[in-house]
Each structure stands twice: as structure tokens, then as C-alpha cells.
Amino acid sequence: NYLKYKAEEVIVPKANSLARLHKLNPASITVKKLRSRWGSCDHGKNIKLSLYLYSLPEELWNYVLCHELAHLEHLNHSRQFWNTVESMYPNYKSARKSLKDHAPGVYLF
């Protein structure tokens, strides 16, 4: 699958780079065929990213990466979580709003 290959080749290394920059340690970062969300982070600090992220503009997948990495410190959407996201991606509010115009998945008509 081309999108999975590109996401693993481009987005996963970017996620690892951001994690190192912010001194965060995910247990794993994998690419999956997630259709209902762009990414997730579980209690084991495993981050799963949608292969469809690669179809987004780069600034939007960078926001998603920062969002999921922030869950390594706050596994919720508390004020502290959003402060962490903002420290990594200051323009997160704009990116978050733009992301709502996109849906994970590729739909063929």
C-alpha cells in the first residue's frame, strides 16, 4: 500500500524526531489503516497513526503528531494536555480547525 509505505518512510521518522526534540519516549509508533481517527495513543505509550495522514498537508500531520505525542504525558484532553500541545505546535488551534475539514480514509466513488 503506497500510503502506508509513504507514512512509514516520512511521517514515522518525523514523529520520532519530534519525540526526541521534546524528550518524549513512545514505546512504539506504527502506521495502521485507521478510518475513524488520525491517530491514537494507549496506556502503554504506543502511538498508532493512520496511513491516511500522508494524504493531508504536512502542517496538519505535524499537528496530529504533536497531539499524539502530548498524550504520552497526558492521556486525556485536559488543559495541561492542550498546554503541552501548544508548547510543541503553537498554531495548533488553526490546524485543529482545518483538520475538521478532512476525514480519515480514502473513498472511491
PDB file of N, CA and C in Angstrom:
ATOM      1  N   ASN A   1       0.841  -1.177   0.000  1.00  0.00           N
ATOM      2  CA  ASN A   1       0.000   0.000   0.000  1.00  0.00           C
ATOM      3  C   ASN A   1       0.889   1.244   0.000  1.00  0.00           C
ATOM      4  N   TYR A   2       0.710   2.061  -1.010  1.00  0.00           N
ATOM      5  CA  TYR A   2       1.552   3.253  -1.191  1.00  0.00           C
ATOM      6  C   TYR A   2       1.459   4.213  -0.006  1.00  0.00           C
ATOM      7  N   LEU A   3       0.244   4.506   0.461  1.00  0.00           N
ATOM      8  CA  LEU A   3       0.097   5.453   1.571  1.00  0.00           C
ATOM      9  C   LEU A   3       0.790   4.940   2.828  1.00  0.00           C
ATOM     10  N   LYS A   4       0.664   3.663   3.120  1.00  0.00           N
ATOM     11  CA  LYS A   4       1.324   3.094   4.308  1.00  0.00           C
ATOM     12  C   LYS A   4       2.840   3.208   4.170  1.00  0.00           C
ATOM     13  N   TYR A   5       3.344   2.866   3.001  1.00  0.00           N
ATOM     14  CA  TYR A   5       4.788   2.962   2.752  1.00  0.00           C
ATOM     15  C   TYR A   5       5.279   4.398   2.955  1.00  0.00           C
ATOM     16  N   LYS A   6       4.575   5.368   2.368  1.00  0.00           N
ATOM     17  CA  LYS A   6       4.993   6.769   2.482  1.00  0.00           C
ATOM     18  C   LYS A   6       4.877   7.260   3.925  1.00  0.00           C
ATOM     19  N   ALA A   7       3.823   6.872   4.613  1.00  0.00           N
ATOM     20  CA  ALA A   7       3.666   7.277   6.015  1.00  0.00           C
ATOM     21  C   ALA A   7       4.805   6.713   6.853  1.00  0.00           C
ATOM     22  N   GLU A   8       5.164   5.455   6.615  1.00  0.00           N
ATOM     23  CA  GLU A   8       6.268   4.851   7.369  1.00  0.00           C
ATOM     24  C   GLU A   8       7.609   5.476   7.001  1.00  0.00           C
ATOM     25  N   GLU A   9       7.756   5.868   5.757  1.00  0.00           N
ATOM     26  CA  GLU A   9       9.005   6.442   5.283  1.00  0.00           C
ATOM     27  C   GLU A   9       9.186   7.906   5.716  1.00  0.00           C
ATOM     28  N   VAL A  10       8.096   8.666   5.792  1.00  0.00           N
ATOM     29  CA  VAL A  10       8.177  10.106   6.024  1.00  0.00           C
ATOM     30  C   VAL A  10       7.649  10.511   7.407  1.00  0.00           C
ATOM     31  N   ILE A  11       6.466  10.040   7.742  1.00  0.00           N
ATOM     32  CA  ILE A  11       5.806  10.537   8.950  1.00  0.00           C
ATOM     33  C   ILE A  11       6.369   9.906  10.222  1.00  0.00           C
ATOM     34  N   VAL A  12       6.628   8.616  10.214  1.00  0.00           N
ATOM     35  CA  VAL A  12       7.165   7.965  11.420  1.00  0.00           C
ATOM     36  C   VAL A  12       8.525   8.552  11.806  1.00  0.00           C
ATOM     37  N   PRO A  13       9.455   8.747  10.863  1.00  0.00           N
ATOM     38  CA  PRO A  13      10.713   9.394  11.250  1.00  0.00           C
ATOM     39  C   PRO A  13      10.507  10.805  11.805  1.00  0.00           C
ATOM     40  N   LYS A  14       9.553  11.545  11.243  1.00  0.00           N
ATOM     41  CA  LYS A  14       9.242  12.879  11.760  1.00  0.00           C
ATOM     42  C   LYS A  14       8.707  12.780  13.188  1.00  0.00           C
ATOM     43  N   ALA A  15       7.853  11.807  13.457  1.00  0.00           N
ATOM     44  CA  ALA A  15       7.321  11.607  14.805  1.00  0.00           C
ATOM     45  C   ALA A  15       8.445  11.267  15.780  1.00  0.00           C
ATOM     46  N   ASN A  16       9.353  10.404  15.371  1.00  0.00           N
ATOM     47  CA  ASN A  16      10.488  10.048  16.231  1.00  0.00           C
ATOM     48  C   ASN A  16      11.379  11.261  16.490  1.00  0.00           C
ATOM     49  N   SER A  17      11.579  12.076  15.481  1.00  0.00           N
ATOM     50  CA  SER A  17      12.383  13.288  15.626  1.00  0.00           C
ATOM     51  C   SER A  17      11.721  14.269  16.604  1.00  0.00           C
ATOM     52  N   LEU A  18      10.415  14.469  16.470  1.00  0.00           N
ATOM     53  CA  LEU A  18       9.688  15.348  17.390  1.00  0.00           C
ATOM     54  C   LEU A  18       9.733  14.795  18.818  1.00  0.00           C
ATOM     55  N   ALA A  19       9.611  13.489  18.957  1.00  0.00           N
ATOM     56  CA  ALA A  19       9.671  12.872  20.290  1.00  0.00           C
ATOM     57  C   ALA A  19      11.022  13.150  20.942  1.00  0.00           C
ATOM     58  N   ARG A  20      12.087  12.961  20.185  1.00  0.00           N
ATOM     59  CA  ARG A  20      13.436  13.238  20.733  1.00  0.00           C
ATOM     60  C   ARG A  20      13.587  14.710  21.096  1.00  0.00           C
ATOM     61  N   LEU A  21      13.124  15.593  20.225  1.00  0.00           N
ATOM     62  CA  LEU A  21      13.219  17.031  20.446  1.00  0.00           C
ATOM     63  C   LEU A  21      12.536  17.441  21.749  1.00  0.00           C
ATOM     64  N   HIS A  22      11.399  16.813  22.046  1.00  0.00           N
ATOM     65  CA  HIS A  22      10.620  17.168  23.231  1.00  0.00           C
ATOM     66  C   HIS A  22      10.848  16.214  24.405  1.00  0.00           C
ATOM     67  N   LYS A  23      11.892  15.373  24.255  1.00  0.00           N
ATOM     68  CA  LYS A  23      12.286  14.439  25.317  1.00  0.00           C
ATOM     69  C   LYS A  23      11.131  13.528  25.743  1.00  0.00           C
ATOM     70  N   LEU A  24      10.443  13.000  24.744  1.00  0.00           N
ATOM     71  CA  LEU A  24       9.351  12.065  24.965  1.00  0.00           C
ATOM     72  C   LEU A  24       9.768  10.697  24.449  1.00  0.00           C
ATOM     73  N   ASN A  25       9.250   9.648  25.078  1.00  0.00           N
ATOM     74  CA  ASN A  25       9.679   8.294  24.726  1.00  0.00           C
ATOM     75  C   ASN A  25       8.497   7.365  24.455  1.00  0.00           C
ATOM     76  N   PRO A  26       7.987   7.394  23.237  1.00  0.00           N
ATOM     77  CA  PRO A  26       6.924   6.439  22.916  1.00  0.00           C
ATOM     78  C   PRO A  26       7.485   5.019  22.907  1.00  0.00           C
ATOM     79  N   ALA A  27       6.665   4.056  23.316  1.00  0.00           N
ATOM     80  CA  ALA A  27       7.088   2.652  23.255  1.00  0.00           C
ATOM     81  C   ALA A  27       7.196   2.205  21.804  1.00  0.00           C
ATOM     82  N   SER A  28       6.244   2.668  20.985  1.00  0.00           N
ATOM     83  CA  SER A  28       6.259   2.344  19.556  1.00  0.00           C
ATOM     84  C   SER A  28       5.452   3.382  18.797  1.00  0.00           C
ATOM     85  N   ILE A  29       5.770   3.505  17.531  1.00  0.00           N
ATOM     86  CA  ILE A  29       4.992   4.342  16.618  1.00  0.00           C
ATOM     87  C   ILE A  29       4.759   3.496  15.374  1.00  0.00           C
ATOM     88  N   THR A  30       3.489   3.182  15.115  1.00  0.00           N
ATOM     89  CA  THR A  30       3.157   2.331  13.982  1.00  0.00           C
ATOM     90  C   THR A  30       2.108   3.005  13.103  1.00  0.00           C
ATOM     91  N   VAL A  31       2.033   2.540  11.881  1.00  0.00           N
ATOM     92  CA  VAL A  31       1.054   3.040  10.914  1.00  0.00           C
ATOM     93  C   VAL A  31       0.022   1.948  10.680  1.00  0.00           C
ATOM     94  N   LYS A  32      -1.238   2.310  10.814  1.00  0.00           N
ATOM     95  CA  LYS A  32      -2.347   1.367  10.648  1.00  0.00           C
ATOM     96  C   LYS A  32      -3.401   1.972   9.729  1.00  0.00           C
ATOM     97  N   LYS A  33      -4.293   1.137   9.276  1.00  0.00           N
ATOM     98  CA  LYS A  33      -5.390   1.602   8.425  1.00  0.00           C
ATOM     99  C   LYS A  33      -6.541   2.054   9.327  1.00  0.00           C
ATOM    100  N   LEU A  34      -6.340   3.174  10.014  1.00  0.00           N
ATOM    101  CA  LEU A  34      -7.375   3.733  10.881  1.00  0.00           C
ATOM    102  C   LEU A  34      -8.315   4.558  10.023  1.00  0.00           C
ATOM    103  N   ARG A  35      -9.605   4.292  10.109  1.00  0.00           N
ATOM    104  CA  ARG A  35     -10.570   5.004   9.278  1.00  0.00           C
ATOM    105  C   ARG A  35     -11.363   6.054  10.040  1.00  0.00           C
ATOM    106  N   SER A  36     -11.372   5.959  11.363  1.00  0.00           N
ATOM    107  CA  SER A  36     -12.215   6.886  12.120  1.00  0.00           C
ATOM    108  C   SER A  36     -11.420   7.923  12.899  1.00  0.00           C
ATOM    109  N   ARG A  37     -10.112   7.816  12.899  1.00  0.00           N
ATOM    110  CA  ARG A  37      -9.289   8.799  13.605  1.00  0.00           C
ATOM    111  C   ARG A  37      -7.929   8.897  12.932  1.00  0.00           C
ATOM    112  N   TRP A  38      -7.245   9.983  13.198  1.00  0.00           N
ATOM    113  CA  TRP A  38      -5.926  10.219  12.601  1.00  0.00           C
ATOM    114  C   TRP A  38      -4.820   9.538  13.381  1.00  0.00           C
ATOM    115  N   GLY A  39      -5.052   9.295  14.646  1.00  0.00           N
ATOM    116  CA  GLY A  39      -4.044   8.650  15.463  1.00  0.00           C
ATOM    117  C   GLY A  39      -4.605   8.309  16.824  1.00  0.00           C
ATOM    118  N   SER A  40      -3.824   7.539  17.585  1.00  0.00           N
ATOM    119  CA  SER A  40      -4.209   7.205  18.947  1.00  0.00           C
ATOM    120  C   SER A  40      -2.960   6.907  19.757  1.00  0.00           C
ATOM    121  N   CYS A  41      -3.115   7.021  21.067  1.00  0.00           N
ATOM    122  CA  CYS A  41      -2.032   6.695  21.992  1.00  0.00           C
ATOM    123  C   CYS A  41      -2.666   5.931  23.142  1.00  0.00           C
ATOM    124  N   ASP A  42      -2.082   4.793  23.513  1.00  0.00           N
ATOM    125  CA  ASP A  42      -2.665   3.990  24.583  1.00  0.00           C
ATOM    126  C   ASP A  42      -1.857   4.105  25.879  1.00  0.00           C
ATOM    127  N   HIS A  43      -2.337   3.437  26.915  1.00  0.00           N
ATOM    128  CA  HIS A  43      -1.677   3.496  28.224  1.00  0.00           C
ATOM    129  C   HIS A  43      -0.247   2.945  28.195  1.00  0.00           C
ATOM    130  N   GLY A  44       0.038   2.101  27.228  1.00  0.00           N
ATOM    131  CA  GLY A  44       1.383   1.550  27.089  1.00  0.00           C
ATOM    132  C   GLY A  44       2.332   2.452  26.322  1.00  0.00           C
ATOM    133  N   LYS A  45       1.884   3.667  26.000  1.00  0.00           N
ATOM    134  CA  LYS A  45       2.675   4.658  25.246  1.00  0.00           C
ATOM    135  C   LYS A  45       2.955   4.220  23.815  1.00  0.00           C
ATOM    136  N   ASN A  46       2.032   3.451  23.264  1.00  0.00           N
ATOM    137  CA  ASN A  46       2.104   3.042  21.866  1.00  0.00           C
ATOM    138  C   ASN A  46       1.270   4.012  21.042  1.00  0.00           C
ATOM    139  N   ILE A  47       1.885   4.593  20.038  1.00  0.00           N
ATOM    140  CA  ILE A  47       1.187   5.527  19.159  1.00  0.00           C
ATOM    141  C   ILE A  47       0.888   4.826  17.841  1.00  0.00           C
ATOM    142  N   LYS A  48      -0.381   4.911  17.439  1.00  0.00           N
ATOM    143  CA  LYS A  48      -0.789   4.390  16.143  1.00  0.00           C
ATOM    144  C   LYS A  48      -1.229   5.577  15.301  1.00  0.00           C
ATOM    145  N   LEU A  49      -0.729   5.629  14.076  1.00  0.00           N
ATOM    146  CA  LEU A  49      -1.051   6.716  13.155  1.00  0.00           C
ATOM    147  C   LEU A  49      -1.788   6.162  11.945  1.00  0.00           C
ATOM    148  N   SER A  50      -2.753   6.900  11.471  1.00  0.00           N
ATOM    149  CA  SER A  50      -3.484   6.493  10.279  1.00  0.00           C
ATOM    150  C   SER A  50      -2.596   6.622   9.049  1.00  0.00           C
ATOM    151  N   LEU A  51      -2.634   5.619   8.201  1.00  0.00           N
ATOM    152  CA  LEU A  51      -1.862   5.698   6.959  1.00  0.00           C
ATOM    153  C   LEU A  51      -2.368   6.837   6.089  1.00  0.00           C
ATOM    154  N   TYR A  52      -3.603   7.295   6.334  1.00  0.00           N
ATOM    155  CA  TYR A  52      -4.178   8.382   5.553  1.00  0.00           C
ATOM    156  C   TYR A  52      -3.604   9.747   5.922  1.00  0.00           C
ATOM    157  N   LEU A  53      -2.809   9.817   6.983  1.00  0.00           N
ATOM    158  CA  LEU A  53      -2.162  11.085   7.339  1.00  0.00           C
ATOM    159  C   LEU A  53      -1.348  11.635   6.177  1.00  0.00           C
ATOM    160  N   TYR A  54      -0.736  10.729   5.433  1.00  0.00           N
ATOM    161  CA  TYR A  54       0.126  11.166   4.333  1.00  0.00           C
ATOM    162  C   TYR A  54      -0.648  11.936   3.266  1.00  0.00           C
ATOM    163  N   SER A  55      -1.957  11.761   3.218  1.00  0.00           N
ATOM    164  CA  SER A  55      -2.774  12.468   2.225  1.00  0.00           C
ATOM    165  C   SER A  55      -3.089  13.901   2.652  1.00  0.00           C
ATOM    166  N   LEU A  56      -2.765  14.260   3.892  1.00  0.00           N
ATOM    167  CA  LEU A  56      -3.004  15.613   4.405  1.00  0.00           C
ATOM    168  C   LEU A  56      -1.844  16.540   4.081  1.00  0.00           C
ATOM    169  N   PRO A  57      -2.076  17.843   4.118  1.00  0.00           N
ATOM    170  CA  PRO A  57      -0.952  18.786   4.052  1.00  0.00           C
ATOM    171  C   PRO A  57      -0.024  18.561   5.250  1.00  0.00           C
ATOM    172  N   GLU A  58       1.246  18.776   5.051  1.00  0.00           N
ATOM    173  CA  GLU A  58       2.246  18.482   6.086  1.00  0.00           C
ATOM    174  C   GLU A  58       1.968  19.181   7.410  1.00  0.00           C
ATOM    175  N   GLU A  59       1.489  20.431   7.375  1.00  0.00           N
ATOM    176  CA  GLU A  59       1.251  21.133   8.635  1.00  0.00           C
ATOM    177  C   GLU A  59       0.158  20.450   9.461  1.00  0.00           C
ATOM    178  N   LEU A  60      -0.778  19.774   8.807  1.00  0.00           N
ATOM    179  CA  LEU A  60      -1.827  19.082   9.546  1.00  0.00           C
ATOM    180  C   LEU A  60      -1.321  17.787  10.161  1.00  0.00           C
ATOM    181  N   TRP A  61      -0.502  17.032   9.416  1.00  0.00           N
ATOM    182  CA  TRP A  61       0.012  15.819  10.060  1.00  0.00           C
ATOM    183  C   TRP A  61       1.021  16.154  11.142  1.00  0.00           C
ATOM    184  N   ASN A  62       1.711  17.293  11.028  1.00  0.00           N
ATOM    185  CA  ASN A  62       2.593  17.701  12.126  1.00  0.00           C
ATOM    186  C   ASN A  62       1.787  17.999  13.390  1.00  0.00           C
ATOM    187  N   TYR A  63       0.624  18.625  13.216  1.00  0.00           N
ATOM    188  CA  TYR A  63      -0.249  18.853  14.369  1.00  0.00           C
ATOM    189  C   TYR A  63      -0.687  17.522  14.985  1.00  0.00           C
ATOM    190  N   VAL A  64      -1.113  16.568  14.155  1.00  0.00           N
ATOM    191  CA  VAL A  64      -1.554  15.267  14.662  1.00  0.00           C
ATOM    192  C   VAL A  64      -0.419  14.586  15.429  1.00  0.00           C
ATOM    193  N   LEU A  65       0.792  14.671  14.911  1.00  0.00           N
ATOM    194  CA  LEU A  65       1.937  14.069  15.603  1.00  0.00           C
ATOM    195  C   LEU A  65       2.127  14.698  16.981  1.00  0.00           C
ATOM    196  N   CYS A  66       2.078  16.019  17.048  1.00  0.00           N
ATOM    197  CA  CYS A  66       2.237  16.703  18.331  1.00  0.00           C
ATOM    198  C   CYS A  66       1.100  16.343  19.283  1.00  0.00           C
ATOM    199  N   HIS A  67      -0.113  16.239  18.749  1.00  0.00           N
ATOM    200  CA  HIS A  67      -1.269  15.861  19.557  1.00  0.00           C
ATOM    201  C   HIS A  67      -1.048  14.481  20.181  1.00  0.00           C
ATOM    202  N   GLU A  68      -0.655  13.517  19.368  1.00  0.00           N
ATOM    203  CA  GLU A  68      -0.455  12.157  19.895  1.00  0.00           C
ATOM    204  C   GLU A  68       0.744  12.086  20.834  1.00  0.00           C
ATOM    205  N   LEU A  69       1.797  12.807  20.526  1.00  0.00           N
ATOM    206  CA  LEU A  69       2.956  12.822  21.427  1.00  0.00           C
ATOM    207  C   LEU A  69       2.604  13.451  22.776  1.00  0.00           C
ATOM    208  N   ALA A  70       1.745  14.452  22.776  1.00  0.00           N
ATOM    209  CA  ALA A  70       1.325  15.073  24.036  1.00  0.00           C
ATOM    210  C   ALA A  70       0.582  14.069  24.913  1.00  0.00           C
ATOM    211  N   HIS A  71      -0.069  13.090  24.295  1.00  0.00           N
ATOM    212  CA  HIS A  71      -0.759  12.061  25.077  1.00  0.00           C
ATOM    213  C   HIS A  71       0.227  11.172  25.846  1.00  0.00           C
ATOM    214  N   LEU A  72       1.487  11.199  25.507  1.00  0.00           N
ATOM    215  CA  LEU A  72       2.466  10.441  26.284  1.00  0.00           C
ATOM    216  C   LEU A  72       2.583  10.999  27.701  1.00  0.00           C
ATOM    217  N   GLU A  73       2.307  12.285  27.861  1.00  0.00           N
ATOM    218  CA  GLU A  73       2.344  12.913  29.180  1.00  0.00           C
ATOM    219  C   GLU A  73       0.963  13.053  29.808  1.00  0.00           C
ATOM    220  N   HIS A  74      -0.057  13.217  28.980  1.00  0.00           N
ATOM    221  CA  HIS A  74      -1.427  13.435  29.469  1.00  0.00           C
ATOM    222  C   HIS A  74      -2.366  12.589  28.619  1.00  0.00           C
ATOM    223  N   LEU A  75      -2.852  11.503  29.158  1.00  0.00           N
ATOM    224  CA  LEU A  75      -3.709  10.604  28.387  1.00  0.00           C
ATOM    225  C   LEU A  75      -5.172  11.045  28.495  1.00  0.00           C
ATOM    226  N   ASN A  76      -5.376  12.335  28.230  1.00  0.00           N
ATOM    227  CA  ASN A  76      -6.705  12.951  28.302  1.00  0.00           C
ATOM    228  C   ASN A  76      -6.649  14.235  27.481  1.00  0.00           C
ATOM    229  N   HIS A  77      -7.685  15.018  27.530  1.00  0.00           N
ATOM    230  CA  HIS A  77      -7.694  16.305  26.825  1.00  0.00           C
ATOM    231  C   HIS A  77      -7.880  17.441  27.833  1.00  0.00           C
ATOM    232  N   SER A  78      -7.117  17.376  28.899  1.00  0.00           N
ATOM    233  CA  SER A  78      -7.166  18.396  29.947  1.00  0.00           C
ATOM    234  C   SER A  78      -6.482  19.682  29.487  1.00  0.00           C
ATOM    235  N   ARG A  79      -6.583  20.715  30.285  1.00  0.00           N
ATOM    236  CA  ARG A  79      -5.888  21.983  29.995  1.00  0.00           C
ATOM    237  C   ARG A  79      -4.377  21.744  29.915  1.00  0.00           C
ATOM    238  N   GLN A  80      -3.845  20.893  30.789  1.00  0.00           N
ATOM    239  CA  GLN A  80      -2.409  20.590  30.751  1.00  0.00           C
ATOM    240  C   GLN A  80      -2.018  19.918  29.433  1.00  0.00           C
ATOM    241  N   PHE A  81      -2.905  19.035  28.953  1.00  0.00           N
ATOM    242  CA  PHE A  81      -2.661  18.395  27.661  1.00  0.00           C
ATOM    243  C   PHE A  81      -2.543  19.443  26.562  1.00  0.00           C
ATOM    244  N   TRP A  82      -3.535  20.362  26.492  1.00  0.00           N
ATOM    245  CA  TRP A  82      -3.522  21.375  25.435  1.00  0.00           C
ATOM    246  C   TRP A  82      -2.347  22.330  25.586  1.00  0.00           C
ATOM    247  N   ASN A  83      -1.906  22.589  26.804  1.00  0.00           N
ATOM    248  CA  ASN A  83      -0.698  23.402  27.011  1.00  0.00           C
ATOM    249  C   ASN A  83       0.523  22.696  26.441  1.00  0.00           C
ATOM    250  N   THR A  84       0.568  21.375  26.620  1.00  0.00           N
ATOM    251  CA  THR A  84       1.681  20.601  26.061  1.00  0.00           C
ATOM    252  C   THR A  84       1.643  20.635  24.539  1.00  0.00           C
ATOM    253  N   VAL A  85       0.458  20.452  23.964  1.00  0.00           N
ATOM    254  CA  VAL A  85       0.329  20.528  22.504  1.00  0.00           C
ATOM    255  C   VAL A  85       0.799  21.893  22.022  1.00  0.00           C
ATOM    256  N   GLU A  86       0.348  22.951  22.685  1.00  0.00           N
ATOM    257  CA  GLU A  86       0.716  24.310  22.281  1.00  0.00           C
ATOM    258  C   GLU A  86       2.217  24.547  22.381  1.00  0.00           C
ATOM    259  N   SER A  87       2.857  23.961  23.384  1.00  0.00           N
ATOM    260  CA  SER A  87       4.314  24.135  23.508  1.00  0.00           C
ATOM    261  C   SER A  87       5.057  23.477  22.346  1.00  0.00           C
ATOM    262  N   MET A  88       4.465  22.429  21.773  1.00  0.00           N
ATOM    263  CA  MET A  88       5.093  21.733  20.650  1.00  0.00           C
ATOM    264  C   MET A  88       4.648  22.298  19.303  1.00  0.00           C
ATOM    265  N   TYR A  89       3.409  22.799  19.252  1.00  0.00           N
ATOM    266  CA  TYR A  89       2.830  23.274  17.994  1.00  0.00           C
ATOM    267  C   TYR A  89       2.004  24.521  18.307  1.00  0.00           C
ATOM    268  N   PRO A  90       2.642  25.695  18.383  1.00  0.00           N
ATOM    269  CA  PRO A  90       1.954  26.916  18.811  1.00  0.00           C
ATOM    270  C   PRO A  90       0.689  27.264  18.026  1.00  0.00           C
ATOM    271  N   ASN A  91       0.620  26.909  16.764  1.00  0.00           N
ATOM    272  CA  ASN A  91      -0.538  27.234  15.923  1.00  0.00           C
ATOM    273  C   ASN A  91      -1.550  26.079  15.894  1.00  0.00           C
ATOM    274  N   TYR A  92      -1.624  25.324  16.987  1.00  0.00           N
ATOM    275  CA  TYR A  92      -2.455  24.122  16.990  1.00  0.00           C
ATOM    276  C   TYR A  92      -3.936  24.415  16.789  1.00  0.00           C
ATOM    277  N   LYS A  93      -4.424  25.542  17.280  1.00  0.00           N
ATOM    278  CA  LYS A  93      -5.862  25.824  17.163  1.00  0.00           C
ATOM    279  C   LYS A  93      -6.285  25.945  15.700  1.00  0.00           C
ATOM    280  N   SER A  94      -5.476  26.607  14.909  1.00  0.00           N
ATOM    281  CA  SER A  94      -5.772  26.749  13.491  1.00  0.00           C
ATOM    282  C   SER A  94      -5.700  25.395  12.779  1.00  0.00           C
ATOM    283  N   ALA A  95      -4.669  24.618  13.092  1.00  0.00           N
ATOM    284  CA  ALA A  95      -4.523  23.301  12.466  1.00  0.00           C
ATOM    285  C   ALA A  95      -5.663  22.385  12.873  1.00  0.00           C
ATOM    286  N   ARG A  96      -6.050  22.440  14.139  1.00  0.00           N
ATOM    287  CA  ARG A  96      -7.146  21.610  14.633  1.00  0.00           C
ATOM    288  C   ARG A  96      -8.446  21.945  13.894  1.00  0.00           C
ATOM    289  N   LYS A  97      -8.679  23.221  13.692  1.00  0.00           N
ATOM    290  CA  LYS A  97      -9.872  23.654  12.969  1.00  0.00           C
ATOM    291  C   LYS A  97      -9.817  23.180  11.515  1.00  0.00           C
ATOM    292  N   SER A  98      -8.678  23.327  10.865  1.00  0.00           N
ATOM    293  CA  SER A  98      -8.525  22.887   9.467  1.00  0.00           C
ATOM    294  C   SER A  98      -8.687  21.378   9.327  1.00  0.00           C
ATOM    295  N   LEU A  99      -8.226  20.644  10.315  1.00  0.00           N
ATOM    296  CA  LEU A  99      -8.297  19.182  10.264  1.00  0.00           C
ATOM    297  C   LEU A  99      -9.738  18.695  10.220  1.00  0.00           C
ATOM    298  N   LYS A 100     -10.649  19.477  10.778  1.00  0.00           N
ATOM    299  CA  LYS A 100     -12.065  19.091  10.781  1.00  0.00           C
ATOM    300  C   LYS A 100     -12.659  19.074   9.372  1.00  0.00           C
ATOM    301  N   ASP A 101     -11.968  19.690   8.406  1.00  0.00           N
ATOM    302  CA  ASP A 101     -12.423  19.671   7.016  1.00  0.00           C
ATOM    303  C   ASP A 101     -12.014  18.383   6.301  1.00  0.00           C
ATOM    304  N   HIS A 102     -11.271  17.545   6.974  1.00  0.00           N
ATOM    305  CA  HIS A 102     -10.777  16.300   6.393  1.00  0.00           C
ATOM    306  C   HIS A 102     -11.284  15.119   7.219  1.00  0.00           C
ATOM    307  N   ALA A 103     -11.449  13.991   6.593  1.00  0.00           N
ATOM    308  CA  ALA A 103     -11.843  12.774   7.298  1.00  0.00           C
ATOM    309  C   ALA A 103     -10.849  11.676   6.956  1.00  0.00           C
ATOM    310  N   PRO A 104     -10.470  10.866   7.944  1.00  0.00           N
ATOM    311  CA  PRO A 104      -9.546   9.764   7.638  1.00  0.00           C
ATOM    312  C   PRO A 104     -10.198   8.800   6.646  1.00  0.00           C
ATOM    313  N   GLY A 105      -9.406   8.244   5.775  1.00  0.00           N
ATOM    314  CA  GLY A 105      -9.906   7.252   4.830  1.00  0.00           C
ATOM    315  C   GLY A 105      -9.907   7.785   3.416  1.00  0.00           C
ATOM    316  N   VAL A 106      -9.868   6.884   2.512  1.00  0.00           N
ATOM    317  CA  VAL A 106      -9.950   7.210   1.094  1.00  0.00           C
ATOM    318  C   VAL A 106     -11.224   6.587   0.578  1.00  0.00           C
ATOM    319  N   TYR A 107     -12.051   7.368  -0.021  1.00  0.00           N
ATOM    320  CA  TYR A 107     -13.325   6.889  -0.502  1.00  0.00           C
ATOM    321  C   TYR A 107     -13.360   6.931  -2.018  1.00  0.00           C
ATOM    322  N   LEU A 108     -13.552   5.793  -2.617  1.00  0.00           N
ATOM    323  CA  LEU A 108     -13.623   5.706  -4.075  1.00  0.00           C
ATOM    324  C   LEU A 108     -15.078   5.703  -4.490  1.00  0.00           C
ATOM    325  N   PHE A 109     -15.405   6.510  -5.469  1.00  0.00           N
ATOM    326  CA  PHE A 109     -16.787   6.600  -5.939  1.00  0.00           C
ATOM    327  C   PHE A 109     -16.924   5.946  -7.281  1.00  0.00           C
TER     328      PHE A 109
END
